[in-house]
C-alpha atoms as a PDB file:
ATOM      1  CA  MET A   1     -49.700  74.998 -26.700  1.00  0.00           C
ATOM      2  CA  LYS A   2     -51.614  72.529 -28.745  1.00  0.00           C
ATOM      3  CA  LYS A   3     -48.615  72.996 -31.317  1.00  0.00           C
ATOM      4  CA  ARG A   4     -46.481  71.658 -28.670  1.00  0.00           C
ATOM      5  CA  LEU A   5     -48.564  68.809 -27.381  1.00  0.00           C
ATOM      6  CA  ALA A   6     -49.004  67.723 -30.879  1.00  0.00           C
ATOM      7  CA  LEU A   7     -45.657  67.612 -31.797  1.00  0.00           C
ATOM      8  CA  SER A   8     -44.859  65.740 -28.555  1.00  0.00           C
ATOM      9  CA  CYS A   9     -47.383  63.131 -28.793  1.00  0.00           C
ATOM     10  CA  CYS A  10     -46.162  62.851 -32.806  1.00  0.00           C
ATOM     11  CA  LEU A  11     -42.918  61.756 -31.084  1.00  0.00           C
ATOM     12  CA  LEU A  12     -43.844  59.675 -28.691  1.00  0.00           C
ATOM     13  CA  MET A  13     -45.604  57.609 -31.195  1.00  0.00           C
ATOM     14  CA  CYS A  14     -42.542  57.642 -33.567  1.00  0.00           C
ATOM     15  CA  THR A  15     -40.849  56.164 -30.674  1.00  0.00           C
ATOM     16  CA  VAL A  16     -43.016  53.197 -29.272  1.00  0.00           C
ATOM     17  CA  VAL A  17     -43.046  50.135 -31.158  1.00  0.00           C
ATOM     18  CA  PRO A  18     -46.387  48.524 -30.780  1.00  0.00           C
ATOM     19  CA  VAL A  19     -46.393  44.883 -28.474  1.00  0.00           C
ATOM     20  CA  TRP A  20     -45.888  42.004 -30.559  1.00  0.00           C
ATOM     21  CA  ALA A  21     -45.614  43.665 -34.099  1.00  0.00           C
ATOM     22  CA  GLN A  22     -44.889  40.885 -36.789  1.00  0.00           C
ATOM     23  CA  GLY A  23     -43.445  39.869 -39.613  1.00  0.00           C
ATOM     24  CA  THR A  24     -43.892  36.754 -41.856  1.00  0.00           C
ATOM     25  CA  MET A  25     -41.243  34.989 -44.588  1.00  0.00           C
ATOM     26  CA  ARG A  26     -41.509  31.831 -46.518  1.00  0.00           C
ATOM     27  CA  ALA A  27     -38.925  29.944 -47.069  1.00  0.00           C
ATOM     28  CA  ILE A  28     -36.513  29.900 -50.041  1.00  0.00           C
ATOM     29  CA  MET A  29     -36.203  25.858 -51.009  1.00  0.00           C
ATOM     30  CA  LYS A  30     -32.497  25.307 -52.110  1.00  0.00           C
ATOM     31  CA  GLY A  31     -30.777  21.924 -53.123  1.00  0.00           C
ATOM     32  CA  ARG A  32     -32.714  18.790 -53.101  1.00  0.00           C
ATOM     33  CA  PRO A  33     -34.174  16.734 -49.916  1.00  0.00           C
ATOM     34  CA  ASN A  34     -32.361  13.979 -48.243  1.00  0.00           C
ATOM     35  CA  GLY A  35     -34.530  11.227 -47.469  1.00  0.00           C
ATOM     36  CA  ASP A  36     -36.520  12.220 -44.231  1.00  0.00           C
ATOM     37  CA  GLN A  37     -33.628  15.055 -42.891  1.00  0.00           C
ATOM     38  CA  GLY A  38     -33.715  18.403 -43.346  1.00  0.00           C
ATOM     39  CA  LYS A  39     -32.508  21.869 -42.532  1.00  0.00           C
ATOM     40  CA  CYS A  40     -33.022  25.141 -42.441  1.00  0.00           C
ATOM     41  CA  THR A  41     -30.882  28.143 -42.104  1.00  0.00           C
ATOM     42  CA  ILE A  42     -32.816  31.656 -40.664  1.00  0.00           C
ATOM     43  CA  GLU A  43     -31.121  35.273 -40.538  1.00  0.00           C
ATOM     44  CA  VAL A  44     -32.818  37.960 -38.643  1.00  0.00           C
ATOM     45  CA  ASN A  45     -31.790  41.170 -37.352  1.00  0.00           C
ATOM     46  CA  VAL A  46     -33.342  41.686 -33.649  1.00  0.00           C
ATOM     47  CA  ASP A  47     -32.865  45.332 -31.622  1.00  0.00           C
ATOM     48  CA  ASP A  48     -33.709  43.518 -28.009  1.00  0.00           C
ATOM     49  CA  VAL A  49     -36.336  40.731 -27.883  1.00  0.00           C
ATOM     50  CA  ALA A  50     -38.109  39.189 -30.145  1.00  0.00           C
ATOM     51  CA  GLU A  51     -39.376  35.370 -31.049  1.00  0.00           C
ATOM     52  CA  VAL A  52     -39.609  33.501 -33.724  1.00  0.00           C
ATOM     53  CA  GLU A  53     -42.341  30.930 -35.069  1.00  0.00           C
ATOM     54  CA  VAL A  54     -41.136  28.595 -37.508  1.00  0.00           C
ATOM     55  CA  MET A  55     -43.839  25.659 -39.530  1.00  0.00           C
ATOM     56  CA  GLY A  56     -43.373  23.694 -42.179  1.00  0.00           C
ATOM     57  CA  ASP A  57     -42.325  26.551 -44.793  1.00  0.00           C
ATOM     58  CA  GLN A  58     -43.444  29.324 -42.813  1.00  0.00           C
ATOM     59  CA  ALA A  59     -41.728  31.604 -40.418  1.00  0.00           C
ATOM     60  CA  ARG A  60     -42.917  34.647 -38.236  1.00  0.00           C
ATOM     61  CA  ILE A  61     -41.153  36.826 -36.226  1.00  0.00           C
ATOM     62  CA  ARG A  62     -42.833  38.745 -33.080  1.00  0.00           C
ATOM     63  CA  THR A  63     -40.614  41.702 -31.897  1.00  0.00           C
ATOM     64  CA  ILE A  64     -41.547  41.810 -28.365  1.00  0.00           C
ATOM     65  CA  SER A  65     -39.684  44.935 -27.578  1.00  0.00           C
ATOM     66  CA  GLY A  66     -37.081  47.289 -29.296  1.00  0.00           C
ATOM     67  CA  GLN A  67     -37.585  48.423 -32.993  1.00  0.00           C
ATOM     68  CA  PRO A  68     -38.788  45.929 -35.311  1.00  0.00           C
ATOM     69  CA  SER A  69     -37.289  43.159 -35.720  1.00  0.00           C
ATOM     70  CA  GLN A  70     -36.615  41.860 -39.675  1.00  0.00           C
ATOM     71  CA  PHE A  71     -35.934  39.049 -41.523  1.00  0.00           C
ATOM     72  CA  ARG A  72     -32.756  38.335 -43.696  1.00  0.00           C
ATOM     73  CA  ARG A  73     -32.705  34.885 -45.016  1.00  0.00           C
ATOM     74  CA  PHE A  74     -35.021  31.863 -44.566  1.00  0.00           C
ATOM     75  CA  GLU A  75     -33.968  28.856 -46.651  1.00  0.00           C
ATOM     76  CA  CYS A  76     -34.551  25.029 -46.479  1.00  0.00           C
ATOM     77  CA  ASN A  77     -34.017  22.105 -48.167  1.00  0.00           C
ATOM     78  CA  SER A  78     -37.100  20.729 -47.327  1.00  0.00           C
ATOM     79  CA  ILE A  79     -40.175  21.459 -45.511  1.00  0.00           C
ATOM     80  CA  ILE A  80     -40.440  20.888 -41.947  1.00  0.00           C
ATOM     81  CA  PRO A  81     -42.519  18.028 -41.195  1.00  0.00           C
ATOM     82  CA  GLN A  82     -45.153  17.574 -37.960  1.00  0.00           C
ATOM     83  CA  GLN A  83     -44.348  16.368 -35.133  1.00  0.00           C
ATOM     84  CA  PRO A  84     -40.112  15.389 -36.346  1.00  0.00           C
ATOM     85  CA  ASN A  85     -38.528  12.387 -34.681  1.00  0.00           C
ATOM     86  CA  ASP A  86     -35.617  14.176 -34.054  1.00  0.00           C
ATOM     87  CA  PHE A  87     -35.193  18.140 -34.048  1.00  0.00           C
ATOM     88  CA  ARG A  88     -32.112  20.178 -33.267  1.00  0.00           C
ATOM     89  CA  PHE A  89     -32.012  23.886 -32.658  1.00  0.00           C
ATOM     90  CA  LYS A  90     -28.310  25.257 -33.163  1.00  0.00           C
ATOM     91  CA  GLY A  91     -27.181  29.088 -32.538  1.00  0.00           C
ATOM     92  CA  ILE A  92     -24.756  30.117 -34.992  1.00  0.00           C
ATOM     93  CA  ASP A  93     -24.330  33.939 -34.625  1.00  0.00           C
ATOM     94  CA  GLY A  94     -25.232  36.406 -32.340  1.00  0.00           C
ATOM     95  CA  ARG A  95     -24.071  38.738 -29.605  1.00  0.00           C
ATOM     96  CA  GLY A  96     -26.814  37.686 -27.042  1.00  0.00           C
ATOM     97  CA  ARG A  97     -28.879  34.723 -26.144  1.00  0.00           C
ATOM     98  CA  MET A  98     -30.925  32.389 -28.545  1.00  0.00           C
ATOM     99  CA  THR A  99     -33.135  29.923 -26.884  1.00  0.00           C
ATOM    100  CA  LEU A 100     -35.940  27.063 -28.233  1.00  0.00           C
ATOM    101  CA  ILE A 101     -38.977  27.655 -25.882  1.00  0.00           C
ATOM    102  CA  ARG A 102     -41.020  25.575 -28.009  1.00  0.00           C
ATOM    103  CA  ASP A 103     -40.248  22.200 -29.413  1.00  0.00           C
ATOM    104  CA  PRO A 104     -42.145  20.972 -32.515  1.00  0.00           C
ATOM    105  CA  ARG A 105     -41.684  17.427 -31.444  1.00  0.00           C
ATOM    106  CA  GLY A 106     -44.974  17.937 -29.244  1.00  0.00           C
ATOM    107  CA  GLY A 107     -46.988  19.284 -32.289  1.00  0.00           C
ATOM    108  CA  GLY A 108     -47.132  23.156 -33.595  1.00  0.00           C
ATOM    109  CA  PRO A 109     -44.298  25.647 -34.792  1.00  0.00           C
ATOM    110  CA  ALA A 110     -40.868  25.870 -33.188  1.00  0.00           C
ATOM    111  CA  VAL A 111     -40.651  28.669 -31.120  1.00  0.00           C
ATOM    112  CA  ILE A 112     -37.219  30.519 -30.779  1.00  0.00           C
ATOM    113  CA  ARG A 113     -36.605  32.923 -28.296  1.00  0.00           C
ATOM    114  CA  ILE A 114     -33.856  36.082 -28.891  1.00  0.00           C
ATOM    115  CA  GLU A 115     -32.614  38.454 -26.235  1.00  0.00           C
ATOM    116  CA  ASP A 116     -30.187  40.945 -27.163  1.00  0.00           C
ATOM    117  CA  PRO A 117     -28.220  42.581 -24.731  1.00  0.00           C
ATOM    118  CA  LYS A 118     -26.934  46.283 -26.548  1.00  0.00           C
ATOM    119  CA  GLY A 119     -29.116  49.107 -27.912  1.00  0.00           C
ATOM    120  CA  GLY A 120     -29.227  48.979 -31.894  1.00  0.00           C
ATOM    121  CA  TYR A 121     -29.867  46.051 -34.373  1.00  0.00           C
ATOM    122  CA  GLU A 122     -27.936  42.737 -34.361  1.00  0.00           C
ATOM    123  CA  GLY A 123     -27.619  39.755 -36.639  1.00  0.00           C
ATOM    124  CA  TYR A 124     -28.659  36.462 -35.527  1.00  0.00           C
ATOM    125  CA  THR A 125     -28.177  33.151 -36.994  1.00  0.00           C
ATOM    126  CA  PHE A 126     -29.186  29.795 -36.279  1.00  0.00           C
ATOM    127  CA  ASP A 127     -30.393  26.103 -37.789  1.00  0.00           C
ATOM    128  CA  LEU A 128     -33.381  23.907 -37.362  1.00  0.00           C
ATOM    129  CA  GLU A 129     -32.429  20.421 -38.378  1.00  0.00           C
ATOM    130  CA  TRP A 130     -34.431  17.334 -38.592  1.00  0.00           C
ATOM    131  CA  ARG A 131     -34.926  13.863 -39.036  1.00  0.00           C
ATOM    132  CA  GLY A 132     -38.300  11.914 -39.331  1.00  0.00           C
ATOM    133  CA  GLY A 133     -42.002  12.692 -38.619  1.00  0.00           C
ATOM    134  CA  SER A 134     -45.208  13.093 -39.805  1.00  0.00           C
ATOM    135  CA  ASN A 135     -46.301  14.154 -43.363  1.00  0.00           C
ATOM    136  CA  TYR A 136     -47.944  17.575 -44.031  1.00  0.00           C
ATOM    137  CA  GLY A 137     -51.321  16.935 -45.589  1.00  0.00           C
ATOM    138  CA  PRO A 138     -53.821  19.282 -47.384  1.00  0.00           C
ATOM    139  CA  GLY A 139     -55.220  22.052 -45.989  1.00  0.00           C
ATOM    140  CA  TYR A 140     -51.788  23.135 -44.076  1.00  0.00           C
ATOM    141  CA  GLY A 141     -50.974  26.928 -43.750  1.00  0.00           C
ATOM    142  CA  PRO A 142     -51.293  29.201 -46.821  1.00  0.00           C
ATOM    143  CA  GLY A 143     -51.088  27.850 -50.390  1.00  0.00           C
ATOM    144  CA  TYR A 144     -51.645  24.242 -48.771  1.00  0.00           C
ATOM    145  CA  ARG A 145     -54.819  23.536 -50.749  1.00  0.00           C
ATOM    146  CA  PRO A 146     -56.274  20.739 -51.527  1.00  0.00           C
ATOM    147  CA  GLY A 147     -55.965  19.758 -54.935  1.00  0.00           C
ATOM    148  CA  PRO A 148     -53.625  17.978 -57.322  1.00  0.00           C
ATOM    149  CA  GLY A 149     -49.722  17.942 -57.107  1.00  0.00           C
ATOM    150  CA  GLY A 150     -46.994  15.932 -55.159  1.00  0.00           C
ATOM    151  CA  ASN A 151     -47.931  12.500 -56.892  1.00  0.00           C
ATOM    152  CA  GLY A 152     -46.293   9.863 -54.487  1.00  0.00           C
ATOM    153  CA  PRO A 153     -44.757   9.615 -51.207  1.00  0.00           C
ATOM    154  CA  GLY A 154     -44.257  12.800 -50.128  1.00  0.00           C
ATOM    155  CA  TYR A 155     -45.339  16.110 -48.100  1.00  0.00           C
ATOM    156  CA  GLY A 156     -49.471  15.232 -48.426  1.00  0.00           C
ATOM    157  CA  PRO A 157     -51.085  15.995 -51.849  1.00  0.00           C
ATOM    158  CA  GLY A 158     -49.189  18.860 -52.252  1.00  0.00           C
ATOM    159  CA  TYR A 159     -49.767  22.476 -53.098  1.00  0.00           C
ATOM    160  CA  GLY A 160     -52.682  22.276 -55.384  1.00  0.00           C
ATOM    161  CA  ASP A 161     -51.649  24.925 -57.686  1.00  0.00           C
ATOM    162  CA  ASN A 162     -49.499  23.997 -59.895  1.00  0.00           C
ATOM    163  CA  ARG A 163     -46.671  24.513 -58.467  1.00  0.00           C
ATOM    164  CA  PRO A 164     -43.928  21.356 -57.976  1.00  0.00           C
ATOM    165  CA  GLY A 165     -44.784  18.286 -55.247  1.00  0.00           C
ATOM    166  CA  TYR A 166     -42.155  17.267 -52.790  1.00  0.00           C
ATOM    167  CA  GLY A 167     -42.839  13.617 -53.371  1.00  0.00           C
ATOM    168  CA  PRO A 168     -40.796  11.487 -55.655  1.00  0.00           C
ATOM    169  CA  GLY A 169     -41.864  11.499 -59.510  1.00  0.00           C
ATOM    170  CA  PRO A 170     -43.676  14.280 -60.630  1.00  0.00           C
ATOM    171  CA  GLY A 171     -45.134  16.723 -58.497  1.00  0.00           C
ATOM    172  CA  GLY A 172     -47.797  19.795 -59.056  1.00  0.00           C
ATOM    173  CA  ASN A 173     -47.877  18.644 -63.057  1.00  0.00           C
ATOM    174  CA  ARG A 174     -44.549  20.215 -63.046  1.00  0.00           C
ATOM    175  CA  PRO A 175     -41.566  17.942 -62.018  1.00  0.00           C
ATOM    176  CA  GLY A 176     -40.883  17.813 -58.400  1.00  0.00           C
ATOM    177  CA  TYR A 177     -37.906  16.451 -56.387  1.00  0.00           C
ATOM    178  CA  GLY A 178     -37.612  13.369 -57.825  1.00  0.00           C
ATOM    179  CA  ASN A 179     -35.059  10.368 -57.848  1.00  0.00           C
ATOM    180  CA  GLY A 180     -32.991  11.354 -60.804  1.00  0.00           C
ATOM    181  CA  GLY A 181     -35.453  13.890 -61.941  1.00  0.00           C
ATOM    182  CA  PRO A 182     -35.478  17.846 -62.962  1.00  0.00           C
ATOM    183  CA  TYR A 183     -35.630  19.520 -59.600  1.00  0.00           C
ATOM    184  CA  ILE A 184     -36.907  22.960 -58.569  1.00  0.00           C
ATOM    185  CA  VAL A 185     -34.741  25.940 -57.026  1.00  0.00           C
ATOM    186  CA  THR A 186     -36.755  29.394 -55.624  1.00  0.00           C
ATOM    187  CA  CYS A 187     -33.793  32.027 -55.586  1.00  0.00           C
ATOM    188  CA  SER A 188     -35.379  35.436 -54.627  1.00  0.00           C
ATOM    189  CA  SER A 189     -33.943  39.237 -54.810  1.00  0.00           C
ATOM    190  CA  ASP A 190     -35.001  40.407 -51.751  1.00  0.00           C
ATOM    191  CA  ASN A 191     -33.479  43.107 -51.115  1.00  0.00           C
ATOM    192  CA  GLY A 192     -33.044  44.073 -54.700  1.00  0.00           C
ATOM    193  CA  ARG A 193     -29.876  43.206 -55.056  1.00  0.00           C
ATOM    194  CA  ARG A 194     -27.915  40.221 -56.794  1.00  0.00           C
ATOM    195  CA  GLN A 195     -28.253  36.777 -55.060  1.00  0.00           C
ATOM    196  CA  TYR A 196     -26.727  33.507 -56.073  1.00  0.00           C
ATOM    197  CA  CYS A 197     -28.531  30.608 -55.450  1.00  0.00           C
ATOM    198  CA  ALA A 198     -26.700  26.767 -55.594  1.00  0.00           C
ATOM    199  CA  ALA A 199     -27.128  24.968 -58.657  1.00  0.00           C
ATOM    200  CA  ASN A 200     -25.992  22.357 -61.104  1.00  0.00           C
ATOM    201  CA  THR A 201     -26.119  24.798 -64.036  1.00  0.00           C
ATOM    202  CA  ALA A 202     -24.639  22.460 -66.582  1.00  0.00           C
ATOM    203  CA  ARG A 203     -27.707  21.294 -68.215  1.00  0.00           C
ATOM    204  CA  GLY A 204     -29.557  24.716 -68.875  1.00  0.00           C
ATOM    205  CA  VAL A 205     -31.777  26.114 -66.382  1.00  0.00           C
ATOM    206  CA  ARG A 206     -35.539  26.864 -67.251  1.00  0.00           C
ATOM    207  CA  LEU A 207     -37.902  29.718 -65.842  1.00  0.00           C
ATOM    208  CA  VAL A 208     -40.771  27.625 -64.648  1.00  0.00           C
ATOM    209  CA  ARG A 209     -42.996  30.455 -62.608  1.00  0.00           C
ATOM    210  CA  GLN A 210     -42.473  34.055 -61.407  1.00  0.00           C
ATOM    211  CA  TYR A 211     -43.585  35.387 -58.289  1.00  0.00           C
ATOM    212  CA  ASN A 212     -43.764  38.963 -59.786  1.00  0.00           C
ATOM    213  CA  ASN A 213     -43.304  40.435 -63.088  1.00  0.00           C
ATOM    214  CA  ALA A 214     -39.487  41.887 -62.304  1.00  0.00           C
ATOM    215  CA  CYS A 215     -37.766  38.308 -64.149  1.00  0.00           C
ATOM    216  CA  ARG A 216     -36.039  38.689 -67.232  1.00  0.00           C
ATOM    217  CA  GLN A 217     -33.314  36.945 -68.708  1.00  0.00           C
ATOM    218  CA  ASN A 218     -29.973  38.150 -68.926  1.00  0.00           C
ATOM    219  CA  GLY A 219     -31.515  41.738 -67.036  1.00  0.00           C
ATOM    220  CA  ALA A 220     -32.592  40.386 -63.428  1.00  0.00           C
ATOM    221  CA  TRP A 221     -31.645  36.549 -63.655  1.00  0.00           C
ATOM    222  CA  GLY A 222     -29.326  34.227 -65.651  1.00  0.00           C
ATOM    223  CA  PHE A 223     -26.590  31.402 -64.407  1.00  0.00           C
ATOM    224  CA  ASP A 224     -23.414  30.457 -64.919  1.00  0.00           C
ATOM    225  CA  SER A 225     -21.076  27.688 -62.939  1.00  0.00           C
ATOM    226  CA  ARG A 226     -21.444  29.093 -59.747  1.00  0.00           C
ATOM    227  CA  GLY A 227     -25.356  28.593 -59.748  1.00  0.00           C
ATOM    228  CA  ILE A 228     -28.743  30.598 -60.772  1.00  0.00           C
ATOM    229  CA  TRP A 229     -28.687  34.875 -60.076  1.00  0.00           C
ATOM    230  CA  VAL A 230     -31.613  36.840 -59.582  1.00  0.00           C
ATOM    231  CA  ASP A 231     -31.252  40.667 -59.573  1.00  0.00           C
ATOM    232  CA  ARG A 232     -33.747  43.818 -59.536  1.00  0.00           C
ATOM    233  CA  GLY A 233     -36.241  41.800 -56.956  1.00  0.00           C
ATOM    234  CA  CYS A 234     -36.458  39.102 -59.178  1.00  0.00           C
ATOM    235  CA  ARG A 235     -38.092  36.082 -57.520  1.00  0.00           C
ATOM    236  CA  ALA A 236     -39.179  32.673 -59.557  1.00  0.00           C
ATOM    237  CA  ASP A 237     -38.857  29.030 -59.451  1.00  0.00           C
ATOM    238  CA  PHE A 238     -36.248  27.308 -61.950  1.00  0.00           C
ATOM    239  CA  GLU A 239     -36.282  23.927 -63.290  1.00  0.00           C
ATOM    240  CA  VAL A 240     -32.651  22.634 -62.755  1.00  0.00           C
ATOM    241  CA  GLN A 241     -31.320  19.522 -64.445  1.00  0.00           C
ATOM    242  CA  PRO A 242     -29.428  16.878 -62.144  1.00  0.00           C
END
């Protein structure tokens, strides 16, 4: 009797999803910022109902019901500013309903609610686009610590830990997204498989920072005429000449 009760409890625990189960992801920066305009593309897997919160270059997905939701892709060409003057949400793909339930123009994160009508996972893709808005100062979110970086106009003082800044000219003690200068592309093999990141590789590519020990040229990363590729879990920042 006790064995049956224990087995029943185990099965119940395995099938119940905790309310507000969460996952987080940081944006992969691709391309170069386009003035005060920007765009992010996000892909997630949702089983029933979930909400995605996006602020700056950070996103969090909260599973309200169904199996735990998962991030598939989060790519931006710049960081979403605080209180953008013009903000647009656009659902791209998915069988269910996607709704912008919180607009970041009032301050705080953008929140997108996803409701999937059928059982099993479904992939959902949506775009966030904006124009203008106040810049982020020091202290915003994980990694945004006061310190050198991002010299010149841009997203506040920068990261403060020797990562590239987003203002014109040098930033983060390394080339940032300056006008006409080298720029940084972050490329990640999150699923352990080969991923391509668009970049102009005609003048070569240099690895400037890796986020793990999985990156070795000709093994876990490289480049060709299509762009930079990463494999085997490699995630790194690459400096590209325009």
